[in-house]
PDB file of N, CA and C in Angstrom:
ATOM      1  N   MET A   1      -7.125  29.849   4.483  1.00  0.00           N
ATOM      2  CA  MET A   1      -7.405  28.606   3.856  1.00  0.00           C
ATOM      3  C   MET A   1      -8.883  28.253   4.167  1.00  0.00           C
ATOM      4  N   SER A   2      -9.499  28.888   5.051  1.00  0.00           N
ATOM      5  CA  SER A   2     -10.948  28.557   5.499  1.00  0.00           C
ATOM      6  C   SER A   2     -11.858  29.208   4.445  1.00  0.00           C
ATOM      7  N   SER A   3     -11.276  29.865   3.437  1.00  0.00           N
ATOM      8  CA  SER A   3     -12.270  30.541   2.397  1.00  0.00           C
ATOM      9  C   SER A   3     -12.708  29.427   1.370  1.00  0.00           C
ATOM     10  N   LEU A   4     -12.131  28.234   1.430  1.00  0.00           N
ATOM     11  CA  LEU A   4     -12.593  27.323   0.510  1.00  0.00           C
ATOM     12  C   LEU A   4     -14.077  26.790   0.907  1.00  0.00           C
ATOM     13  N   PRO A   5     -14.927  26.597  -0.200  1.00  0.00           N
ATOM     14  CA  PRO A   5     -16.251  26.063   0.139  1.00  0.00           C
ATOM     15  C   PRO A   5     -16.223  24.648   0.609  1.00  0.00           C
ATOM     16  N   ILE A   6     -17.260  24.154   1.156  1.00  0.00           N
ATOM     17  CA  ILE A   6     -17.417  22.928   1.797  1.00  0.00           C
ATOM     18  C   ILE A   6     -17.092  21.785   0.742  1.00  0.00           C
ATOM     19  N   ASP A   7     -17.641  21.985  -0.441  1.00  0.00           N
ATOM     20  CA  ASP A   7     -17.453  20.972  -1.543  1.00  0.00           C
ATOM     21  C   ASP A   7     -16.003  20.903  -1.808  1.00  0.00           C
ATOM     22  N   ALA A   8     -15.184  21.847  -1.915  1.00  0.00           N
ATOM     23  CA  ALA A   8     -13.814  21.735  -2.117  1.00  0.00           C
ATOM     24  C   ALA A   8     -13.133  20.920  -0.923  1.00  0.00           C
ATOM     25  N   TRP A   9     -13.562  21.267   0.346  1.00  0.00           N
ATOM     26  CA  TRP A   9     -12.963  20.477   1.424  1.00  0.00           C
ATOM     27  C   TRP A   9     -13.213  18.989   1.300  1.00  0.00           C
ATOM     28  N   ILE A  10     -14.440  18.724   0.892  1.00  0.00           N
ATOM     29  CA  ILE A  10     -14.866  17.262   0.760  1.00  0.00           C
ATOM     30  C   ILE A  10     -14.092  16.613  -0.335  1.00  0.00           C
ATOM     31  N   LEU A  11     -13.855  17.368  -1.404  1.00  0.00           N
ATOM     32  CA  LEU A  11     -13.008  16.778  -2.400  1.00  0.00           C
ATOM     33  C   LEU A  11     -11.640  16.624  -2.142  1.00  0.00           C
ATOM     34  N   LEU A  12     -11.116  17.526  -1.331  1.00  0.00           N
ATOM     35  CA  LEU A  12      -9.771  17.554  -0.898  1.00  0.00           C
ATOM     36  C   LEU A  12      -9.493  16.291  -0.048  1.00  0.00           C
ATOM     37  N   PHE A  13     -10.365  16.135   0.989  1.00  0.00           N
ATOM     38  CA  PHE A  13     -10.331  15.040   1.882  1.00  0.00           C
ATOM     39  C   PHE A  13     -10.426  13.692   1.176  1.00  0.00           C
ATOM     40  N   CYS A  14     -11.345  13.611   0.221  1.00  0.00           N
ATOM     41  CA  CYS A  14     -11.512  12.409  -0.628  1.00  0.00           C
ATOM     42  C   CYS A  14     -10.287  12.061  -1.368  1.00  0.00           C
ATOM     43  N   ALA A  15      -9.620  12.954  -2.013  1.00  0.00           N
ATOM     44  CA  ALA A  15      -8.452  12.792  -2.807  1.00  0.00           C
ATOM     45  C   ALA A  15      -7.296  12.388  -1.871  1.00  0.00           C
ATOM     46  N   VAL A  16      -7.118  13.083  -0.713  1.00  0.00           N
ATOM     47  CA  VAL A  16      -6.075  12.644   0.251  1.00  0.00           C
ATOM     48  C   VAL A  16      -6.273  11.155   0.735  1.00  0.00           C
ATOM     49  N   GLY A  17      -7.517  10.921   1.009  1.00  0.00           N
ATOM     50  CA  GLY A  17      -7.906   9.556   1.633  1.00  0.00           C
ATOM     51  C   GLY A  17      -7.588   8.502   0.442  1.00  0.00           C
ATOM     52  N   LEU A  18      -7.929   8.729  -0.801  1.00  0.00           N
ATOM     53  CA  LEU A  18      -7.690   7.854  -1.894  1.00  0.00           C
ATOM     54  C   LEU A  18      -6.276   7.664  -2.111  1.00  0.00           C
ATOM     55  N   GLY A  19      -5.516   8.770  -2.054  1.00  0.00           N
ATOM     56  CA  GLY A  19      -4.028   8.656  -2.273  1.00  0.00           C
ATOM     57  C   GLY A  19      -3.289   7.891  -1.207  1.00  0.00           C
ATOM     58  N   LEU A  20      -3.755   8.077   0.102  1.00  0.00           N
ATOM     59  CA  LEU A  20      -3.168   7.369   1.206  1.00  0.00           C
ATOM     60  C   LEU A  20      -3.558   5.942   1.074  1.00  0.00           C
ATOM     61  N   GLY A  21      -4.760   5.640   0.761  1.00  0.00           N
ATOM     62  CA  GLY A  21      -5.276   4.297   0.674  1.00  0.00           C
ATOM     63  C   GLY A  21      -4.531   3.414  -0.414  1.00  0.00           C
ATOM     64  N   LEU A  22      -4.328   4.069  -1.536  1.00  0.00           N
ATOM     65  CA  LEU A  22      -3.478   3.450  -2.560  1.00  0.00           C
ATOM     66  C   LEU A  22      -2.081   3.247  -2.175  1.00  0.00           C
ATOM     67  N   GLU A  23      -1.509   4.253  -1.426  1.00  0.00           N
ATOM     68  CA  GLU A  23      -0.075   4.103  -1.005  1.00  0.00           C
ATOM     69  C   GLU A  23       0.029   2.939  -0.053  1.00  0.00           C
ATOM     70  N   VAL A  24      -0.852   2.760   0.791  1.00  0.00           N
ATOM     71  CA  VAL A  24      -0.941   1.683   1.875  1.00  0.00           C
ATOM     72  C   VAL A  24      -1.032   0.372   1.165  1.00  0.00           C
ATOM     73  N   ALA A  25      -1.965   0.379   0.123  1.00  0.00           N
ATOM     74  CA  ALA A  25      -2.188  -0.924  -0.579  1.00  0.00           C
ATOM     75  C   ALA A  25      -1.054  -1.327  -1.391  1.00  0.00           C
ATOM     76  N   PHE A  26      -0.374  -0.418  -2.027  1.00  0.00           N
ATOM     77  CA  PHE A  26       0.896  -0.808  -2.826  1.00  0.00           C
ATOM     78  C   PHE A  26       2.040  -1.193  -1.737  1.00  0.00           C
ATOM     79  N   TYR A  27       2.037  -0.535  -0.651  1.00  0.00           N
ATOM     80  CA  TYR A  27       3.103  -0.906   0.365  1.00  0.00           C
ATOM     81  C   TYR A  27       2.966  -2.292   0.836  1.00  0.00           C
ATOM     82  N   ARG A  28       1.609  -2.623   1.181  1.00  0.00           N
ATOM     83  CA  ARG A  28       1.320  -3.936   1.746  1.00  0.00           C
ATOM     84  C   ARG A  28       1.543  -5.028   0.614  1.00  0.00           C
ATOM     85  N   ALA A  29       1.213  -4.763  -0.621  1.00  0.00           N
ATOM     86  CA  ALA A  29       1.408  -5.692  -1.692  1.00  0.00           C
ATOM     87  C   ALA A  29       2.857  -5.903  -1.923  1.00  0.00           C
ATOM     88  N   GLN A  30       3.688  -4.879  -1.918  1.00  0.00           N
ATOM     89  CA  GLN A  30       5.000  -5.038  -2.070  1.00  0.00           C
ATOM     90  C   GLN A  30       5.678  -5.860  -0.884  1.00  0.00           C
ATOM     91  N   LYS A  31       5.281  -5.553   0.198  1.00  0.00           N
ATOM     92  CA  LYS A  31       5.847  -6.251   1.481  1.00  0.00           C
ATOM     93  C   LYS A  31       5.478  -7.742   1.373  1.00  0.00           C
ATOM     94  N   ARG A  32       4.189  -8.028   1.082  1.00  0.00           N
ATOM     95  CA  ARG A  32       3.779  -9.472   0.880  1.00  0.00           C
ATOM     96  C   ARG A  32       4.665 -10.150  -0.233  1.00  0.00           C
ATOM     97  N   HIS A  33       4.860  -9.421  -1.381  1.00  0.00           N
ATOM     98  CA  HIS A  33       5.602 -10.018  -2.379  1.00  0.00           C
ATOM     99  C   HIS A  33       7.022 -10.423  -1.940  1.00  0.00           C
ATOM    100  N   ILE A  34       7.672  -9.545  -1.201  1.00  0.00           N
ATOM    101  CA  ILE A  34       8.986  -9.632  -0.700  1.00  0.00           C
ATOM    102  C   ILE A  34       9.036 -10.920   0.270  1.00  0.00           C
ATOM    103  N   THR A  35       8.104 -11.024   1.187  1.00  0.00           N
ATOM    104  CA  THR A  35       8.018 -12.119   2.230  1.00  0.00           C
ATOM    105  C   THR A  35       7.755 -13.294   1.519  1.00  0.00           C
ATOM    106  N   SER A  36       6.885 -13.427   0.441  1.00  0.00           N
ATOM    107  CA  SER A  36       6.656 -14.731  -0.197  1.00  0.00           C
ATOM    108  C   SER A  36       7.889 -15.142  -1.013  1.00  0.00           C
ATOM    109  N   ARG A  37       8.552 -14.199  -1.597  1.00  0.00           N
ATOM    110  CA  ARG A  37       9.764 -14.615  -2.359  1.00  0.00           C
ATOM    111  C   ARG A  37      10.751 -15.043  -1.329  1.00  0.00           C
ATOM    112  N   HIS A  38      10.949 -14.448  -0.128  1.00  0.00           N
ATOM    113  CA  HIS A  38      11.929 -14.926   0.867  1.00  0.00           C
ATOM    114  C   HIS A  38      11.585 -16.386   1.183  1.00  0.00           C
ATOM    115  N   ARG A  39      10.218 -16.646   1.439  1.00  0.00           N
ATOM    116  CA  ARG A  39       9.798 -18.001   1.748  1.00  0.00           C
ATOM    117  C   ARG A  39      10.190 -19.006   0.756  1.00  0.00           C
ATOM    118  N   GLU A  40      10.069 -18.596  -0.546  1.00  0.00           N
ATOM    119  CA  GLU A  40      10.353 -19.539  -1.618  1.00  0.00           C
ATOM    120  C   GLU A  40      11.854 -19.867  -1.577  1.00  0.00           C
ATOM    121  N   THR A  41      12.644 -18.832  -1.460  1.00  0.00           N
ATOM    122  CA  THR A  41      14.115 -19.125  -1.476  1.00  0.00           C
ATOM    123  C   THR A  41      14.544 -20.006  -0.221  1.00  0.00           C
ATOM    124  N   ASN A  42      13.853 -19.826   0.917  1.00  0.00           N
ATOM    125  CA  ASN A  42      14.201 -20.606   2.081  1.00  0.00           C
ATOM    126  C   ASN A  42      13.661 -22.083   1.741  1.00  0.00           C
ATOM    127  N   GLN A  43      12.646 -22.346   1.115  1.00  0.00           N
ATOM    128  CA  GLN A  43      12.143 -23.740   0.822  1.00  0.00           C
ATOM    129  C   GLN A  43      13.182 -24.405  -0.262  1.00  0.00           C
ATOM    130  N   ASP A  44      13.699 -23.563  -1.185  1.00  0.00           N
ATOM    131  CA  ASP A  44      14.637 -24.146  -2.036  1.00  0.00           C
ATOM    132  C   ASP A  44      15.898 -24.564  -1.343  1.00  0.00           C
ATOM    133  N   GLU A  45      16.286 -23.887  -0.323  1.00  0.00           N
ATOM    134  CA  GLU A  45      17.571 -24.180   0.349  1.00  0.00           C
ATOM    135  C   GLU A  45      17.248 -25.499   1.288  1.00  0.00           C
ATOM    136  N   ILE A  46      16.183 -25.701   1.826  1.00  0.00           N
ATOM    137  CA  ILE A  46      15.827 -26.658   2.774  1.00  0.00           C
ATOM    138  C   ILE A  46      15.327 -27.978   1.951  1.00  0.00           C
ATOM    139  N   GLY A  47      14.951 -27.780   0.763  1.00  0.00           N
ATOM    140  CA  GLY A  47      14.261 -28.909  -0.026  1.00  0.00           C
ATOM    141  C   GLY A  47      15.263 -30.068  -0.125  1.00  0.00           C
ATOM    142  N   PRO A  48      14.763 -31.179  -0.616  1.00  0.00           N
ATOM    143  CA  PRO A  48      15.650 -32.319  -0.800  1.00  0.00           C
ATOM    144  C   PRO A  48      16.746 -32.032  -1.755  1.00  0.00           C
ATOM    145  N   GLY A  49      17.927 -32.623  -1.418  1.00  0.00           N
ATOM    146  CA  GLY A  49      19.013 -32.358  -2.363  1.00  0.00           C
ATOM    147  C   GLY A  49      19.526 -33.595  -2.892  1.00  0.00           C
TER     148      GLY A  49
END
């Protein structure tokens, strides 16, 4: 695998980094959406009745 030119290695690392960055961003956004939805349901239960 060391036969790849340096440009290919740079492109490979950039692609992997971009993919992981997107994955983390989507995971954090989904987690934030779930916690905010959970907070809204708790406020509805506690709210004035």
